[in-house]
Amino acid sequence: MNTPVPSPCINICRMDAASGWCEGCLRTLDEIAAWGQLDDATKRSVLLQLRERRVHWRQRRAAGRAP
């Protein structure tokens, strides 16, 4: 049996105006709103995008700039 894909939410729910990403999970508002309706394959696709966003987010933070 397949295990459901968990939400990446970490309960830090603030949207960054510059990037449009949640500062906690790095999802967009559309991704957050749709999460419960997405199939597991689509959720996994979003999670892969979040890995890339996290790298970008950390680089921008390290450089002292908002994403």
N, C-alpha and C. Protein backbone atom coordinates (compact mmCIF):
# COMPACT_ATOMS: atom_id res chain seq x y z
N MET A 1 0.84 -1.19 0.00
CA MET A 1 0.00 0.00 0.00
C MET A 1 0.88 1.24 0.00
N ASN A 2 0.52 2.23 -0.81
CA ASN A 2 1.30 3.46 -0.90
C ASN A 2 1.02 4.37 0.28
N THR A 3 2.07 4.96 0.79
CA THR A 3 1.95 5.93 1.86
C THR A 3 1.59 7.28 1.26
N PRO A 4 0.59 7.97 1.80
CA PRO A 4 0.25 9.30 1.28
C PRO A 4 1.44 10.26 1.39
N VAL A 5 1.52 11.18 0.46
CA VAL A 5 2.58 12.18 0.48
C VAL A 5 2.20 13.24 1.50
N PRO A 6 3.05 13.46 2.53
CA PRO A 6 2.71 14.44 3.56
C PRO A 6 2.90 15.88 3.07
N SER A 7 2.19 16.76 3.70
CA SER A 7 2.34 18.18 3.42
C SER A 7 3.72 18.65 3.88
N PRO A 8 4.34 19.56 3.12
CA PRO A 8 5.63 20.11 3.55
C PRO A 8 5.50 21.26 4.55
N CYS A 9 4.27 21.56 4.97
CA CYS A 9 4.03 22.67 5.89
C CYS A 9 4.79 22.45 7.20
N ILE A 10 5.47 23.51 7.67
CA ILE A 10 6.17 23.45 8.95
C ILE A 10 5.63 24.50 9.92
N ASN A 11 4.43 24.99 9.64
CA ASN A 11 3.73 25.95 10.51
C ASN A 11 4.46 27.28 10.67
N ILE A 12 5.17 27.68 9.64
CA ILE A 12 5.71 29.04 9.55
C ILE A 12 5.04 29.61 8.31
N CYS A 13 3.89 30.20 8.51
CA CYS A 13 3.03 30.58 7.39
C CYS A 13 3.06 32.08 7.16
N ARG A 14 4.10 32.50 6.45
CA ARG A 14 4.25 33.91 6.06
C ARG A 14 4.63 33.92 4.59
N MET A 15 3.91 34.70 3.82
CA MET A 15 4.20 34.77 2.39
C MET A 15 5.22 35.86 2.14
N ASP A 16 6.24 35.53 1.38
CA ASP A 16 7.26 36.49 0.97
C ASP A 16 6.74 37.21 -0.26
N ALA A 17 6.61 38.53 -0.17
CA ALA A 17 6.03 39.31 -1.27
C ALA A 17 6.89 39.27 -2.52
N ALA A 18 8.19 39.24 -2.37
CA ALA A 18 9.09 39.27 -3.53
C ALA A 18 9.01 37.98 -4.35
N SER A 19 8.95 36.85 -3.68
CA SER A 19 8.98 35.57 -4.39
C SER A 19 7.59 34.96 -4.58
N GLY A 20 6.65 35.30 -3.68
CA GLY A 20 5.34 34.67 -3.71
C GLY A 20 5.34 33.31 -3.04
N TRP A 21 6.41 32.99 -2.32
CA TRP A 21 6.55 31.70 -1.64
C TRP A 21 6.31 31.86 -0.15
N CYS A 22 5.76 30.81 0.45
CA CYS A 22 5.64 30.77 1.90
C CYS A 22 7.05 30.66 2.48
N GLU A 23 7.35 31.43 3.49
CA GLU A 23 8.69 31.40 4.09
C GLU A 23 8.97 30.10 4.82
N GLY A 24 7.95 29.35 5.16
CA GLY A 24 8.15 28.08 5.85
C GLY A 24 8.35 26.91 4.90
N CYS A 25 7.39 26.71 4.01
CA CYS A 25 7.43 25.53 3.14
C CYS A 25 7.85 25.84 1.71
N LEU A 26 7.89 27.10 1.35
CA LEU A 26 8.29 27.58 0.02
C LEU A 26 7.29 27.27 -1.09
N ARG A 27 6.06 26.92 -0.70
CA ARG A 27 5.02 26.74 -1.71
C ARG A 27 4.36 28.08 -2.03
N THR A 28 3.74 28.15 -3.20
CA THR A 28 2.94 29.32 -3.55
C THR A 28 1.56 29.18 -2.91
N LEU A 29 0.81 30.26 -2.90
CA LEU A 29 -0.56 30.19 -2.37
C LEU A 29 -1.39 29.18 -3.15
N ASP A 30 -1.23 29.14 -4.46
CA ASP A 30 -1.98 28.18 -5.27
C ASP A 30 -1.62 26.75 -4.89
N GLU A 31 -0.35 26.47 -4.67
CA GLU A 31 0.07 25.13 -4.29
C GLU A 31 -0.46 24.74 -2.92
N ILE A 32 -0.45 25.70 -2.00
CA ILE A 32 -0.97 25.45 -0.66
C ILE A 32 -2.47 25.15 -0.72
N ALA A 33 -3.20 25.98 -1.46
CA ALA A 33 -4.65 25.82 -1.55
C ALA A 33 -5.04 24.51 -2.23
N ALA A 34 -4.26 24.08 -3.21
CA ALA A 34 -4.61 22.88 -3.98
C ALA A 34 -4.10 21.59 -3.35
N TRP A 35 -3.20 21.66 -2.38
CA TRP A 35 -2.50 20.48 -1.88
C TRP A 35 -3.43 19.30 -1.58
N GLY A 36 -4.49 19.51 -0.88
CA GLY A 36 -5.40 18.43 -0.49
C GLY A 36 -6.09 17.76 -1.66
N GLN A 37 -6.14 18.43 -2.79
CA GLN A 37 -6.81 17.88 -3.97
C GLN A 37 -5.84 17.25 -4.97
N LEU A 38 -4.55 17.47 -4.78
CA LEU A 38 -3.55 16.95 -5.72
C LEU A 38 -3.37 15.46 -5.55
N ASP A 39 -3.09 14.76 -6.66
CA ASP A 39 -2.76 13.35 -6.55
C ASP A 39 -1.30 13.23 -6.09
N ASP A 40 -0.92 12.05 -5.66
CA ASP A 40 0.42 11.87 -5.08
C ASP A 40 1.53 12.19 -6.07
N ALA A 41 1.35 11.88 -7.34
CA ALA A 41 2.38 12.17 -8.34
C ALA A 41 2.60 13.68 -8.45
N THR A 42 1.54 14.44 -8.43
CA THR A 42 1.65 15.89 -8.51
C THR A 42 2.27 16.46 -7.24
N LYS A 43 1.90 15.91 -6.09
CA LYS A 43 2.51 16.35 -4.83
C LYS A 43 4.01 16.10 -4.86
N ARG A 44 4.43 14.94 -5.37
CA ARG A 44 5.87 14.65 -5.46
C ARG A 44 6.57 15.63 -6.40
N SER A 45 5.89 16.02 -7.45
CA SER A 45 6.44 17.01 -8.38
C SER A 45 6.65 18.35 -7.68
N VAL A 46 5.67 18.76 -6.89
CA VAL A 46 5.79 20.00 -6.13
C VAL A 46 6.97 19.89 -5.16
N LEU A 47 7.09 18.75 -4.47
CA LEU A 47 8.19 18.57 -3.52
C LEU A 47 9.55 18.69 -4.21
N LEU A 48 9.67 18.19 -5.42
CA LEU A 48 10.93 18.33 -6.16
C LEU A 48 11.21 19.79 -6.48
N GLN A 49 10.17 20.54 -6.83
CA GLN A 49 10.35 21.98 -7.08
C GLN A 49 10.79 22.70 -5.81
N LEU A 50 10.27 22.25 -4.67
CA LEU A 50 10.62 22.90 -3.40
C LEU A 50 12.10 22.73 -3.10
N ARG A 51 12.69 21.60 -3.47
CA ARG A 51 14.13 21.41 -3.27
C ARG A 51 14.92 22.48 -4.02
N GLU A 52 14.53 22.73 -5.25
CA GLU A 52 15.20 23.76 -6.05
C GLU A 52 14.98 25.14 -5.46
N ARG A 53 13.76 25.41 -5.02
CA ARG A 53 13.46 26.72 -4.41
C ARG A 53 14.27 26.92 -3.14
N ARG A 54 14.42 25.84 -2.37
CA ARG A 54 15.16 25.95 -1.11
C ARG A 54 16.61 26.36 -1.37
N VAL A 55 17.23 25.81 -2.39
CA VAL A 55 18.60 26.19 -2.76
C VAL A 55 18.63 27.67 -3.12
N HIS A 56 17.71 28.10 -3.96
CA HIS A 56 17.63 29.51 -4.37
C HIS A 56 17.39 30.41 -3.16
N TRP A 57 16.45 30.00 -2.30
CA TRP A 57 16.10 30.77 -1.10
C TRP A 57 17.32 30.96 -0.21
N ARG A 58 18.05 29.90 0.04
CA ARG A 58 19.24 29.97 0.91
C ARG A 58 20.34 30.83 0.30
N GLN A 59 20.52 30.73 -1.00
CA GLN A 59 21.53 31.54 -1.66
C GLN A 59 21.19 33.02 -1.55
N ARG A 60 19.94 33.34 -1.77
CA ARG A 60 19.53 34.74 -1.67
C ARG A 60 19.63 35.26 -0.24
N ARG A 61 19.27 34.43 0.72
CA ARG A 61 19.37 34.83 2.14
C ARG A 61 20.83 35.05 2.53
N ALA A 62 21.70 34.15 2.08
CA ALA A 62 23.13 34.26 2.39
C ALA A 62 23.72 35.53 1.80
N ALA A 63 23.19 35.95 0.67
CA ALA A 63 23.68 37.17 0.01
C ALA A 63 23.02 38.42 0.59
N GLY A 64 22.10 38.22 1.55
CA GLY A 64 21.44 39.35 2.20
C GLY A 64 20.31 39.96 1.39
N ARG A 65 19.80 39.19 0.43
CA ARG A 65 18.70 39.67 -0.40
C ARG A 65 17.50 38.77 -0.22
N ALA A 66 16.34 39.37 -0.29
CA ALA A 66 15.11 38.58 -0.28
C ALA A 66 15.01 37.84 -1.60
N PRO A 67 14.39 36.68 -1.63
CA PRO A 67 14.24 35.94 -2.87
C PRO A 67 13.44 36.68 -3.92
